[in-house]
Amino acid sequence: MIRHVVSWKLNSADATALALDSATIRAALESLPPLVSELKSLSVGSNVANAGVNWDLCLVADYDSLDDLEAYQVHPEHQRVAAVIRPLVESRAVVDFEL
């Protein structure tokens, strides 16, 4: 099994905009599990500690294999969600590891 972890630092400068953008991203990502069969589990959460230092939002998703992760990356529904996320993000970090 492959665990895919993505953390984002959002563009939003104030707490209200940050919360709105986080909710937008979370809703978009949480729409994916019933649409992408390769996606076995997905969790999304906003940072609750050390605002301004920690990353703002994190995704943890699991796939049976690297091939499934790669299929997810190019899936049209993932591409749709990525188009929602990209303009809201300052930077991101990704780690994929085997469980």
PDB file of N, CA and C in Angstrom:
ATOM      1  N   MET A   1       0.845  -1.176   0.000  1.00  0.00           N
ATOM      2  CA  MET A   1       0.000   0.000   0.000  1.00  0.00           C
ATOM      3  C   MET A   1       0.892   1.241   0.000  1.00  0.00           C
ATOM      4  N   ILE A   2       0.439   2.275  -0.713  1.00  0.00           N
ATOM      5  CA  ILE A   2       1.169   3.540  -0.816  1.00  0.00           C
ATOM      6  C   ILE A   2       0.370   4.628  -0.100  1.00  0.00           C
ATOM      7  N   ARG A   3       1.035   5.353   0.766  1.00  0.00           N
ATOM      8  CA  ARG A   3       0.427   6.510   1.429  1.00  0.00           C
ATOM      9  C   ARG A   3       0.965   7.770   0.751  1.00  0.00           C
ATOM     10  N   HIS A   4       0.039   8.628   0.363  1.00  0.00           N
ATOM     11  CA  HIS A   4       0.319   9.888  -0.343  1.00  0.00           C
ATOM     12  C   HIS A   4      -0.025  11.019   0.620  1.00  0.00           C
ATOM     13  N   VAL A   5       0.968  11.813   1.000  1.00  0.00           N
ATOM     14  CA  VAL A   5       0.766  12.900   1.957  1.00  0.00           C
ATOM     15  C   VAL A   5       1.131  14.214   1.269  1.00  0.00           C
ATOM     16  N   VAL A   6       0.179  15.148   1.275  1.00  0.00           N
ATOM     17  CA  VAL A   6       0.401  16.454   0.661  1.00  0.00           C
ATOM     18  C   VAL A   6       0.072  17.520   1.700  1.00  0.00           C
ATOM     19  N   SER A   7       0.984  18.471   1.866  1.00  0.00           N
ATOM     20  CA  SER A   7       0.747  19.617   2.745  1.00  0.00           C
ATOM     21  C   SER A   7       0.808  20.884   1.911  1.00  0.00           C
ATOM     22  N   TRP A   8      -0.091  21.804   2.213  1.00  0.00           N
ATOM     23  CA  TRP A   8      -0.148  23.058   1.477  1.00  0.00           C
ATOM     24  C   TRP A   8      -0.004  24.246   2.411  1.00  0.00           C
ATOM     25  N   LYS A   9       0.701  25.256   1.935  1.00  0.00           N
ATOM     26  CA  LYS A   9       0.723  26.585   2.529  1.00  0.00           C
ATOM     27  C   LYS A   9      -0.135  27.429   1.590  1.00  0.00           C
ATOM     28  N   LEU A  10      -1.216  27.988   2.108  1.00  0.00           N
ATOM     29  CA  LEU A  10      -2.157  28.717   1.268  1.00  0.00           C
ATOM     30  C   LEU A  10      -1.762  30.177   1.105  1.00  0.00           C
ATOM     31  N   ASN A  11      -2.281  30.801   0.060  1.00  0.00           N
ATOM     32  CA  ASN A  11      -1.999  32.213  -0.235  1.00  0.00           C
ATOM     33  C   ASN A  11      -2.670  33.160   0.745  1.00  0.00           C
ATOM     34  N   SER A  12      -3.752  32.741   1.357  1.00  0.00           N
ATOM     35  CA  SER A  12      -4.579  33.599   2.195  1.00  0.00           C
ATOM     36  C   SER A  12      -3.775  34.238   3.313  1.00  0.00           C
ATOM     37  N   ALA A  13      -3.976  35.532   3.477  1.00  0.00           N
ATOM     38  CA  ALA A  13      -3.217  36.268   4.482  1.00  0.00           C
ATOM     39  C   ALA A  13      -3.955  36.386   5.814  1.00  0.00           C
ATOM     40  N   ASP A  14      -5.288  36.405   5.779  1.00  0.00           N
ATOM     41  CA  ASP A  14      -6.018  36.562   7.038  1.00  0.00           C
ATOM     42  C   ASP A  14      -6.784  35.285   7.373  1.00  0.00           C
ATOM     43  N   ALA A  15      -7.168  35.167   8.621  1.00  0.00           N
ATOM     44  CA  ALA A  15      -7.779  33.941   9.137  1.00  0.00           C
ATOM     45  C   ALA A  15      -9.097  33.601   8.439  1.00  0.00           C
ATOM     46  N   THR A  16      -9.891  34.607   8.114  1.00  0.00           N
ATOM     47  CA  THR A  16     -11.176  34.356   7.466  1.00  0.00           C
ATOM     48  C   THR A  16     -10.982  33.778   6.069  1.00  0.00           C
ATOM     49  N   ALA A  17     -10.112  34.387   5.284  1.00  0.00           N
ATOM     50  CA  ALA A  17      -9.837  33.899   3.933  1.00  0.00           C
ATOM     51  C   ALA A  17      -9.189  32.522   3.984  1.00  0.00           C
ATOM     52  N   LEU A  18      -8.300  32.320   4.933  1.00  0.00           N
ATOM     53  CA  LEU A  18      -7.643  31.021   5.084  1.00  0.00           C
ATOM     54  C   LEU A  18      -8.671  29.928   5.385  1.00  0.00           C
ATOM     55  N   ALA A  19      -9.594  30.205   6.276  1.00  0.00           N
ATOM     56  CA  ALA A  19     -10.628  29.224   6.618  1.00  0.00           C
ATOM     57  C   ALA A  19     -11.517  28.931   5.417  1.00  0.00           C
ATOM     58  N   LEU A  20     -11.882  29.956   4.653  1.00  0.00           N
ATOM     59  CA  LEU A  20     -12.723  29.772   3.472  1.00  0.00           C
ATOM     60  C   LEU A  20     -11.996  28.956   2.407  1.00  0.00           C
ATOM     61  N   ASP A  21     -10.737  29.296   2.133  1.00  0.00           N
ATOM     62  CA  ASP A  21      -9.960  28.562   1.134  1.00  0.00           C
ATOM     63  C   ASP A  21      -9.721  27.119   1.570  1.00  0.00           C
ATOM     64  N   SER A  22      -9.446  26.913   2.848  1.00  0.00           N
ATOM     65  CA  SER A  22      -9.268  25.550   3.365  1.00  0.00           C
ATOM     66  C   SER A  22     -10.540  24.739   3.181  1.00  0.00           C
ATOM     67  N   ALA A  23     -11.686  25.335   3.469  1.00  0.00           N
ATOM     68  CA  ALA A  23     -12.970  24.633   3.316  1.00  0.00           C
ATOM     69  C   ALA A  23     -13.246  24.310   1.849  1.00  0.00           C
ATOM     70  N   THR A  24     -12.892  25.218   0.958  1.00  0.00           N
ATOM     71  CA  THR A  24     -13.071  24.989  -0.481  1.00  0.00           C
ATOM     72  C   THR A  24     -12.235  23.807  -0.940  1.00  0.00           C
ATOM     73  N   ILE A  25     -10.974  23.778  -0.531  1.00  0.00           N
ATOM     74  CA  ILE A  25     -10.073  22.688  -0.915  1.00  0.00           C
ATOM     75  C   ILE A  25     -10.548  21.372  -0.308  1.00  0.00           C
ATOM     76  N   ARG A  26     -10.898  21.420   0.946  1.00  0.00           N
ATOM     77  CA  ARG A  26     -11.348  20.196   1.629  1.00  0.00           C
ATOM     78  C   ARG A  26     -12.572  19.604   0.934  1.00  0.00           C
ATOM     79  N   ALA A  27     -13.550  20.430   0.618  1.00  0.00           N
ATOM     80  CA  ALA A  27     -14.762  19.945  -0.054  1.00  0.00           C
ATOM     81  C   ALA A  27     -14.429  19.348  -1.417  1.00  0.00           C
ATOM     82  N   ALA A  28     -13.552  19.994  -2.152  1.00  0.00           N
ATOM     83  CA  ALA A  28     -13.162  19.481  -3.469  1.00  0.00           C
ATOM     84  C   ALA A  28     -12.488  18.117  -3.342  1.00  0.00           C
ATOM     85  N   LEU A  29     -11.555  18.001  -2.410  1.00  0.00           N
ATOM     86  CA  LEU A  29     -10.847  16.734  -2.222  1.00  0.00           C
ATOM     87  C   LEU A  29     -11.786  15.634  -1.722  1.00  0.00           C
ATOM     88  N   GLU A  30     -12.675  15.978  -0.810  1.00  0.00           N
ATOM     89  CA  GLU A  30     -13.577  14.975  -0.245  1.00  0.00           C
ATOM     90  C   GLU A  30     -14.624  14.497  -1.242  1.00  0.00           C
ATOM     91  N   SER A  31     -14.727  15.162  -2.387  1.00  0.00           N
ATOM     92  CA  SER A  31     -15.629  14.700  -3.438  1.00  0.00           C
ATOM     93  C   SER A  31     -15.033  13.540  -4.228  1.00  0.00           C
ATOM     94  N   LEU A  32     -13.728  13.298  -4.095  1.00  0.00           N
ATOM     95  CA  LEU A  32     -13.037  12.337  -4.949  1.00  0.00           C
ATOM     96  C   LEU A  32     -13.261  10.851  -4.652  1.00  0.00           C
ATOM     97  N   PRO A  33     -13.320  10.394  -3.409  1.00  0.00           N
ATOM     98  CA  PRO A  33     -13.386   8.945  -3.181  1.00  0.00           C
ATOM     99  C   PRO A  33     -14.449   8.183  -3.969  1.00  0.00           C
ATOM    100  N   PRO A  34     -15.684   8.665  -4.081  1.00  0.00           N
ATOM    101  CA  PRO A  34     -16.641   7.877  -4.865  1.00  0.00           C
ATOM    102  C   PRO A  34     -16.410   7.956  -6.384  1.00  0.00           C
ATOM    103  N   LEU A  35     -15.558   8.873  -6.810  1.00  0.00           N
ATOM    104  CA  LEU A  35     -15.339   9.099  -8.240  1.00  0.00           C
ATOM    105  C   LEU A  35     -14.063   8.458  -8.780  1.00  0.00           C
ATOM    106  N   VAL A  36     -13.128   8.138  -7.887  1.00  0.00           N
ATOM    107  CA  VAL A  36     -11.820   7.608  -8.301  1.00  0.00           C
ATOM    108  C   VAL A  36     -11.615   6.261  -7.606  1.00  0.00           C
ATOM    109  N   SER A  37     -11.771   5.180  -8.350  1.00  0.00           N
ATOM    110  CA  SER A  37     -11.737   3.842  -7.743  1.00  0.00           C
ATOM    111  C   SER A  37     -10.380   3.485  -7.142  1.00  0.00           C
ATOM    112  N   GLU A  38      -9.304   4.052  -7.653  1.00  0.00           N
ATOM    113  CA  GLU A  38      -7.962   3.747  -7.134  1.00  0.00           C
ATOM    114  C   GLU A  38      -7.736   4.310  -5.732  1.00  0.00           C
ATOM    115  N   LEU A  39      -8.512   5.275  -5.338  1.00  0.00           N
ATOM    116  CA  LEU A  39      -8.375   5.962  -4.051  1.00  0.00           C
ATOM    117  C   LEU A  39      -9.049   5.121  -2.971  1.00  0.00           C
ATOM    118  N   LYS A  40      -8.242   4.523  -2.077  1.00  0.00           N
ATOM    119  CA  LYS A  40      -8.767   3.613  -1.047  1.00  0.00           C
ATOM    120  C   LYS A  40      -9.216   4.346   0.209  1.00  0.00           C
ATOM    121  N   SER A  41      -8.529   5.410   0.579  1.00  0.00           N
ATOM    122  CA  SER A  41      -8.951   6.220   1.718  1.00  0.00           C
ATOM    123  C   SER A  41      -8.388   7.621   1.548  1.00  0.00           C
ATOM    124  N   LEU A  42      -9.075   8.579   2.170  1.00  0.00           N
ATOM    125  CA  LEU A  42      -8.662   9.974   2.052  1.00  0.00           C
ATOM    126  C   LEU A  42      -9.065  10.706   3.321  1.00  0.00           C
ATOM    127  N   SER A  43      -8.136  11.479   3.874  1.00  0.00           N
ATOM    128  CA  SER A  43      -8.399  12.357   5.013  1.00  0.00           C
ATOM    129  C   SER A  43      -7.804  13.712   4.695  1.00  0.00           C
ATOM    130  N   VAL A  44      -8.528  14.752   5.047  1.00  0.00           N
ATOM    131  CA  VAL A  44      -8.058  16.116   4.838  1.00  0.00           C
ATOM    132  C   VAL A  44      -8.278  16.878   6.129  1.00  0.00           C
ATOM    133  N   GLY A  45      -7.270  17.642   6.548  1.00  0.00           N
ATOM    134  CA  GLY A  45      -7.428  18.415   7.769  1.00  0.00           C
ATOM    135  C   GLY A  45      -6.690  19.731   7.723  1.00  0.00           C
ATOM    136  N   SER A  46      -7.265  20.706   8.395  1.00  0.00           N
ATOM    137  CA  SER A  46      -6.636  22.020   8.537  1.00  0.00           C
ATOM    138  C   SER A  46      -5.755  22.031   9.771  1.00  0.00           C
ATOM    139  N   ASN A  47      -4.689  22.776   9.707  1.00  0.00           N
ATOM    140  CA  ASN A  47      -3.779  22.923  10.832  1.00  0.00           C
ATOM    141  C   ASN A  47      -4.499  23.552  12.023  1.00  0.00           C
ATOM    142  N   VAL A  48      -4.217  23.045  13.221  1.00  0.00           N
ATOM    143  CA  VAL A  48      -4.843  23.583  14.431  1.00  0.00           C
ATOM    144  C   VAL A  48      -3.824  24.147  15.421  1.00  0.00           C
ATOM    145  N   ALA A  49      -2.536  24.140  15.064  1.00  0.00           N
ATOM    146  CA  ALA A  49      -1.513  24.623  15.996  1.00  0.00           C
ATOM    147  C   ALA A  49      -0.433  25.395  15.244  1.00  0.00           C
ATOM    148  N   ASN A  50       0.163  26.356  15.912  1.00  0.00           N
ATOM    149  CA  ASN A  50       1.302  27.105  15.385  1.00  0.00           C
ATOM    150  C   ASN A  50       1.032  27.723  14.018  1.00  0.00           C
ATOM    151  N   ALA A  51      -0.100  28.420  13.921  1.00  0.00           N
ATOM    152  CA  ALA A  51      -0.448  29.093  12.670  1.00  0.00           C
ATOM    153  C   ALA A  51       0.680  30.020  12.238  1.00  0.00           C
ATOM    154  N   GLY A  52       0.925  30.069  10.955  1.00  0.00           N
ATOM    155  CA  GLY A  52       1.991  30.904  10.429  1.00  0.00           C
ATOM    156  C   GLY A  52       3.310  30.169  10.334  1.00  0.00           C
ATOM    157  N   VAL A  53       3.488  29.131  11.111  1.00  0.00           N
ATOM    158  CA  VAL A  53       4.711  28.325  11.068  1.00  0.00           C
ATOM    159  C   VAL A  53       4.429  26.997  10.378  1.00  0.00           C
ATOM    160  N   ASN A  54       3.380  26.312  10.841  1.00  0.00           N
ATOM    161  CA  ASN A  54       3.010  25.026  10.257  1.00  0.00           C
ATOM    162  C   ASN A  54       2.343  25.230   8.896  1.00  0.00           C
ATOM    163  N   TRP A  55       2.279  24.153   8.130  1.00  0.00           N
ATOM    164  CA  TRP A  55       1.532  24.166   6.878  1.00  0.00           C
ATOM    165  C   TRP A  55       0.057  24.321   7.225  1.00  0.00           C
ATOM    166  N   ASP A  56      -0.730  24.847   6.290  1.00  0.00           N
ATOM    167  CA  ASP A  56      -2.123  25.183   6.564  1.00  0.00           C
ATOM    168  C   ASP A  56      -3.091  24.012   6.441  1.00  0.00           C
ATOM    169  N   LEU A  57      -2.811  23.090   5.532  1.00  0.00           N
ATOM    170  CA  LEU A  57      -3.765  22.038   5.204  1.00  0.00           C
ATOM    171  C   LEU A  57      -2.997  20.795   4.792  1.00  0.00           C
ATOM    172  N   CYS A  58      -3.553  19.611   5.098  1.00  0.00           N
ATOM    173  CA  CYS A  58      -2.860  18.365   4.776  1.00  0.00           C
ATOM    174  C   CYS A  58      -3.852  17.323   4.262  1.00  0.00           C
ATOM    175  N   LEU A  59      -3.404  16.565   3.269  1.00  0.00           N
ATOM    176  CA  LEU A  59      -4.139  15.431   2.716  1.00  0.00           C
ATOM    177  C   LEU A  59      -3.344  14.169   2.993  1.00  0.00           C
ATOM    178  N   VAL A  60      -4.026  13.120   3.431  1.00  0.00           N
ATOM    179  CA  VAL A  60      -3.429  11.787   3.561  1.00  0.00           C
ATOM    180  C   VAL A  60      -4.343  10.846   2.788  1.00  0.00           C
ATOM    181  N   ALA A  61      -3.781  10.177   1.771  1.00  0.00           N
ATOM    182  CA  ALA A  61      -4.572   9.275   0.937  1.00  0.00           C
ATOM    183  C   ALA A  61      -3.803   7.979   0.727  1.00  0.00           C
ATOM    184  N   ASP A  62      -4.539   6.882   0.610  1.00  0.00           N
ATOM    185  CA  ASP A  62      -3.928   5.566   0.434  1.00  0.00           C
ATOM    186  C   ASP A  62      -4.362   4.931  -0.882  1.00  0.00           C
ATOM    187  N   TYR A  63      -3.414   4.194  -1.475  1.00  0.00           N
ATOM    188  CA  TYR A  63      -3.603   3.498  -2.749  1.00  0.00           C
ATOM    189  C   TYR A  63      -2.988   2.120  -2.621  1.00  0.00           C
ATOM    190  N   ASP A  64      -3.508   1.154  -3.366  1.00  0.00           N
ATOM    191  CA  ASP A  64      -2.971  -0.199  -3.309  1.00  0.00           C
ATOM    192  C   ASP A  64      -1.559  -0.295  -3.884  1.00  0.00           C
ATOM    193  N   SER A  65      -1.225   0.575  -4.844  1.00  0.00           N
ATOM    194  CA  SER A  65       0.063   0.475  -5.526  1.00  0.00           C
ATOM    195  C   SER A  65       0.486   1.824  -6.092  1.00  0.00           C
ATOM    196  N   LEU A  66       1.747   1.901  -6.514  1.00  0.00           N
ATOM    197  CA  LEU A  66       2.223   3.108  -7.198  1.00  0.00           C
ATOM    198  C   LEU A  66       1.466   3.323  -8.502  1.00  0.00           C
ATOM    199  N   ASP A  67       1.135   2.232  -9.188  1.00  0.00           N
ATOM    200  CA  ASP A  67       0.351   2.355 -10.421  1.00  0.00           C
ATOM    201  C   ASP A  67      -0.994   3.015 -10.144  1.00  0.00           C
ATOM    202  N   ASP A  68      -1.625   2.653  -9.034  1.00  0.00           N
ATOM    203  CA  ASP A  68      -2.903   3.274  -8.671  1.00  0.00           C
ATOM    204  C   ASP A  68      -2.724   4.752  -8.338  1.00  0.00           C
ATOM    205  N   LEU A  69      -1.651   5.099  -7.651  1.00  0.00           N
ATOM    206  CA  LEU A  69      -1.365   6.504  -7.363  1.00  0.00           C
ATOM    207  C   LEU A  69      -1.167   7.276  -8.658  1.00  0.00           C
ATOM    208  N   GLU A  70      -0.426   6.704  -9.586  1.00  0.00           N
ATOM    209  CA  GLU A  70      -0.200   7.366 -10.873  1.00  0.00           C
ATOM    210  C   GLU A  70      -1.500   7.520 -11.658  1.00  0.00           C
ATOM    211  N   ALA A  71      -2.376   6.508 -11.604  1.00  0.00           N
ATOM    212  CA  ALA A  71      -3.675   6.602 -12.273  1.00  0.00           C
ATOM    213  C   ALA A  71      -4.521   7.721 -11.662  1.00  0.00           C
ATOM    214  N   TYR A  72      -4.453   7.857 -10.342  1.00  0.00           N
ATOM    215  CA  TYR A  72      -5.157   8.932  -9.638  1.00  0.00           C
ATOM    216  C   TYR A  72      -4.649  10.296 -10.104  1.00  0.00           C
ATOM    217  N   GLN A  73      -3.346  10.434 -10.236  1.00  0.00           N
ATOM    218  CA  GLN A  73      -2.754  11.724 -10.610  1.00  0.00           C
ATOM    219  C   GLN A  73      -3.289  12.242 -11.947  1.00  0.00           C
ATOM    220  N   VAL A  74      -3.551  11.361 -12.884  1.00  0.00           N
ATOM    221  CA  VAL A  74      -4.009  11.785 -14.215  1.00  0.00           C
ATOM    222  C   VAL A  74      -5.521  11.644 -14.403  1.00  0.00           C
ATOM    223  N   HIS A  75      -6.210  11.141 -13.384  1.00  0.00           N
ATOM    224  CA  HIS A  75      -7.661  10.964 -13.470  1.00  0.00           C
ATOM    225  C   HIS A  75      -8.325  12.330 -13.699  1.00  0.00           C
ATOM    226  N   PRO A  76      -9.303  12.412 -14.587  1.00  0.00           N
ATOM    227  CA  PRO A  76      -9.963  13.698 -14.865  1.00  0.00           C
ATOM    228  C   PRO A  76     -10.564  14.367 -13.628  1.00  0.00           C
ATOM    229  N   GLU A  77     -11.090  13.592 -12.700  1.00  0.00           N
ATOM    230  CA  GLU A  77     -11.659  14.191 -11.484  1.00  0.00           C
ATOM    231  C   GLU A  77     -10.566  14.785 -10.593  1.00  0.00           C
ATOM    232  N   HIS A  78      -9.417  14.128 -10.520  1.00  0.00           N
ATOM    233  CA  HIS A  78      -8.297  14.699  -9.768  1.00  0.00           C
ATOM    234  C   HIS A  78      -7.812  15.975 -10.451  1.00  0.00           C
ATOM    235  N   GLN A  79      -7.751  15.964 -11.753  1.00  0.00           N
ATOM    236  CA  GLN A  79      -7.323  17.156 -12.493  1.00  0.00           C
ATOM    237  C   GLN A  79      -8.288  18.323 -12.251  1.00  0.00           C
ATOM    238  N   ARG A  80      -9.581  18.020 -12.179  1.00  0.00           N
ATOM    239  CA  ARG A  80     -10.590  19.047 -11.887  1.00  0.00           C
ATOM    240  C   ARG A  80     -10.343  19.670 -10.514  1.00  0.00           C
ATOM    241  N   VAL A  81     -10.097  18.821  -9.520  1.00  0.00           N
ATOM    242  CA  VAL A  81      -9.855  19.302  -8.161  1.00  0.00           C
ATOM    243  C   VAL A  81      -8.526  20.066  -8.087  1.00  0.00           C
ATOM    244  N   ALA A  82      -7.510  19.585  -8.768  1.00  0.00           N
ATOM    245  CA  ALA A  82      -6.218  20.279  -8.777  1.00  0.00           C
ATOM    246  C   ALA A  82      -6.365  21.694  -9.331  1.00  0.00           C
ATOM    247  N   ALA A  83      -7.240  21.871 -10.307  1.00  0.00           N
ATOM    248  CA  ALA A  83      -7.466  23.203 -10.879  1.00  0.00           C
ATOM    249  C   ALA A  83      -8.125  24.146  -9.872  1.00  0.00           C
ATOM    250  N   VAL A  84      -8.898  23.607  -8.943  1.00  0.00           N
ATOM    251  CA  VAL A  84      -9.487  24.403  -7.865  1.00  0.00           C
ATOM    252  C   VAL A  84      -8.410  24.789  -6.852  1.00  0.00           C
ATOM    253  N   ILE A  85      -7.524  23.850  -6.549  1.00  0.00           N
ATOM    254  CA  ILE A  85      -6.526  24.038  -5.495  1.00  0.00           C
ATOM    255  C   ILE A  85      -5.398  24.980  -5.910  1.00  0.00           C
ATOM    256  N   ARG A  86      -4.857  24.792  -7.101  1.00  0.00           N
ATOM    257  CA  ARG A  86      -3.643  25.525  -7.524  1.00  0.00           C
ATOM    258  C   ARG A  86      -3.672  27.030  -7.273  1.00  0.00           C
ATOM    259  N   PRO A  87      -4.739  27.736  -7.636  1.00  0.00           N
ATOM    260  CA  PRO A  87      -4.708  29.195  -7.434  1.00  0.00           C
ATOM    261  C   PRO A  87      -4.725  29.632  -5.968  1.00  0.00           C
ATOM    262  N   LEU A  88      -5.081  28.725  -5.066  1.00  0.00           N
ATOM    263  CA  LEU A  88      -5.183  29.060  -3.645  1.00  0.00           C
ATOM    264  C   LEU A  88      -3.907  28.763  -2.865  1.00  0.00           C
ATOM    265  N   VAL A  89      -2.910  28.167  -3.546  1.00  0.00           N
ATOM    266  CA  VAL A  89      -1.734  27.631  -2.863  1.00  0.00           C
ATOM    267  C   VAL A  89      -0.475  28.441  -3.153  1.00  0.00           C
ATOM    268  N   GLU A  90       0.237  28.741  -2.079  1.00  0.00           N
ATOM    269  CA  GLU A  90       1.554  29.371  -2.182  1.00  0.00           C
ATOM    270  C   GLU A  90       2.631  28.320  -2.447  1.00  0.00           C
ATOM    271  N   SER A  91       2.581  27.217  -1.694  1.00  0.00           N
ATOM    272  CA  SER A  91       3.552  26.135  -1.877  1.00  0.00           C
ATOM    273  C   SER A  91       2.973  24.835  -1.340  1.00  0.00           C
ATOM    274  N   ARG A  92       3.621  23.733  -1.749  1.00  0.00           N
ATOM    275  CA  ARG A  92       3.170  22.427  -1.288  1.00  0.00           C
ATOM    276  C   ARG A  92       4.364  21.514  -1.109  1.00  0.00           C
ATOM    277  N   ALA A  93       4.152  20.506  -0.278  1.00  0.00           N
ATOM    278  CA  ALA A  93       5.150  19.458  -0.054  1.00  0.00           C
ATOM    279  C   ALA A  93       4.441  18.124  -0.174  1.00  0.00           C
ATOM    280  N   VAL A  94       5.114  17.148  -0.800  1.00  0.00           N
ATOM    281  CA  VAL A  94       4.513  15.842  -1.023  1.00  0.00           C
ATOM    282  C   VAL A  94       5.498  14.752  -0.603  1.00  0.00           C
ATOM    283  N   VAL A  95       4.973  13.737   0.059  1.00  0.00           N
ATOM    284  CA  VAL A  95       5.745  12.537   0.369  1.00  0.00           C
ATOM    285  C   VAL A  95       4.852  11.340   0.063  1.00  0.00           C
ATOM    286  N   ASP A  96       5.404  10.379  -0.673  1.00  0.00           N
ATOM    287  CA  ASP A  96       4.729   9.114  -0.968  1.00  0.00           C
ATOM    288  C   ASP A  96       5.582   8.005  -0.386  1.00  0.00           C
ATOM    289  N   PHE A  97       4.984   7.153   0.457  1.00  0.00           N
ATOM    290  CA  PHE A  97       5.766   6.091   1.054  1.00  0.00           C
ATOM    291  C   PHE A  97       4.962   4.801   1.128  1.00  0.00           C
ATOM    292  N   GLU A  98       5.686   3.698   1.240  1.00  0.00           N
ATOM    293  CA  GLU A  98       5.057   2.387   1.296  1.00  0.00           C
ATOM    294  C   GLU A  98       4.729   2.042   2.738  1.00  0.00           C
ATOM    295  N   LEU A  99       3.528   1.511   2.935  1.00  0.00           N
ATOM    296  CA  LEU A  99       3.108   1.055   4.265  1.00  0.00           C
ATOM    297  C   LEU A  99       3.447  -0.397   4.444  1.00  0.00           C
TER     298      LEU A  99
END
